[in-house]
Amino acid sequence: MVLVNSEKQYSLWPTFVDLPGGWEVAFGEASRQDCLDYVERTWTDMRPKSLVDAMGGN
């Protein structure tokens, strides 16, 4: 599955491990390739959200 944190950073995560604090499920149980495809489509700006916000969204 794919997790996301408050900084809009993504991580692949095994389903058998508890979620770490500050992270939530962004994309449910799926194949590794489906998860990678989701991250590639979704995480288009690698900067942390706080930096994007500080730069005025640019």
Protein backbone atom coordinates (compact mmCIF):
# COMPACT_ATOMS: atom_id res chain seq x y z
CA MET A 1 0.00 0.00 0.00
CA VAL A 2 1.00 3.66 -0.27
CA LEU A 3 1.18 6.00 2.70
CA VAL A 4 1.22 9.80 2.77
CA ASN A 5 2.21 12.20 5.55
CA SER A 6 1.22 15.79 6.29
CA GLU A 7 4.09 17.04 4.10
CA LYS A 8 2.54 15.18 1.13
CA GLN A 9 5.46 12.75 0.99
CA TYR A 10 4.63 9.20 -0.12
CA SER A 11 5.98 5.82 0.90
CA LEU A 12 5.36 2.22 -0.11
CA TRP A 13 4.49 0.23 2.99
CA PRO A 14 3.90 -3.48 3.62
CA THR A 15 0.38 -4.34 4.73
CA PHE A 16 1.59 -6.53 7.61
CA VAL A 17 3.39 -3.68 9.41
CA ASP A 18 1.57 -1.12 11.60
CA LEU A 19 1.34 2.38 10.20
CA PRO A 20 3.95 4.76 11.59
CA GLY A 21 2.74 7.85 13.43
CA GLY A 22 1.90 10.78 11.19
CA TRP A 23 1.18 8.64 8.13
CA GLU A 24 -2.12 7.50 6.61
CA VAL A 25 -3.12 5.19 3.79
CA ALA A 26 -3.34 7.02 0.46
CA PHE A 27 -3.79 3.95 -1.76
CA GLY A 28 -5.07 0.62 -0.51
CA GLU A 29 -3.75 -2.87 -0.81
CA ALA A 30 -2.55 -3.48 -4.36
CA SER A 31 0.38 -4.92 -6.24
CA ARG A 32 3.75 -3.25 -5.89
CA GLN A 33 3.52 -2.06 -9.50
CA ASP A 34 0.05 -0.55 -8.95
CA CYS A 35 1.42 1.25 -5.88
CA LEU A 36 4.42 2.55 -7.83
CA ASP A 37 2.12 3.72 -10.62
CA TYR A 38 -0.04 5.54 -8.07
CA VAL A 39 3.00 7.30 -6.58
CA GLU A 40 4.27 8.27 -10.03
CA ARG A 41 0.88 9.77 -10.98
CA THR A 42 0.30 11.49 -7.64
CA TRP A 43 3.66 12.66 -6.26
CA THR A 44 4.56 15.10 -9.02
CA ASP A 45 6.27 17.70 -6.80
CA MET A 46 8.95 16.21 -4.56
CA ARG A 47 9.18 19.29 -2.34
CA PRO A 48 7.63 19.00 1.14
CA LYS A 49 4.27 20.76 1.47
CA SER A 50 5.72 23.23 3.99
CA LEU A 51 8.30 24.38 1.42
CA VAL A 52 5.69 24.69 -1.33
CA ASP A 53 3.51 26.76 1.03
CA ALA A 54 6.47 28.96 2.04
CA MET A 55 7.22 29.61 -1.63
CA GLY A 56 3.64 30.68 -2.26
CA GLY A 57 2.69 27.48 -4.05
CA ASN A 58 5.24 27.93 -6.83
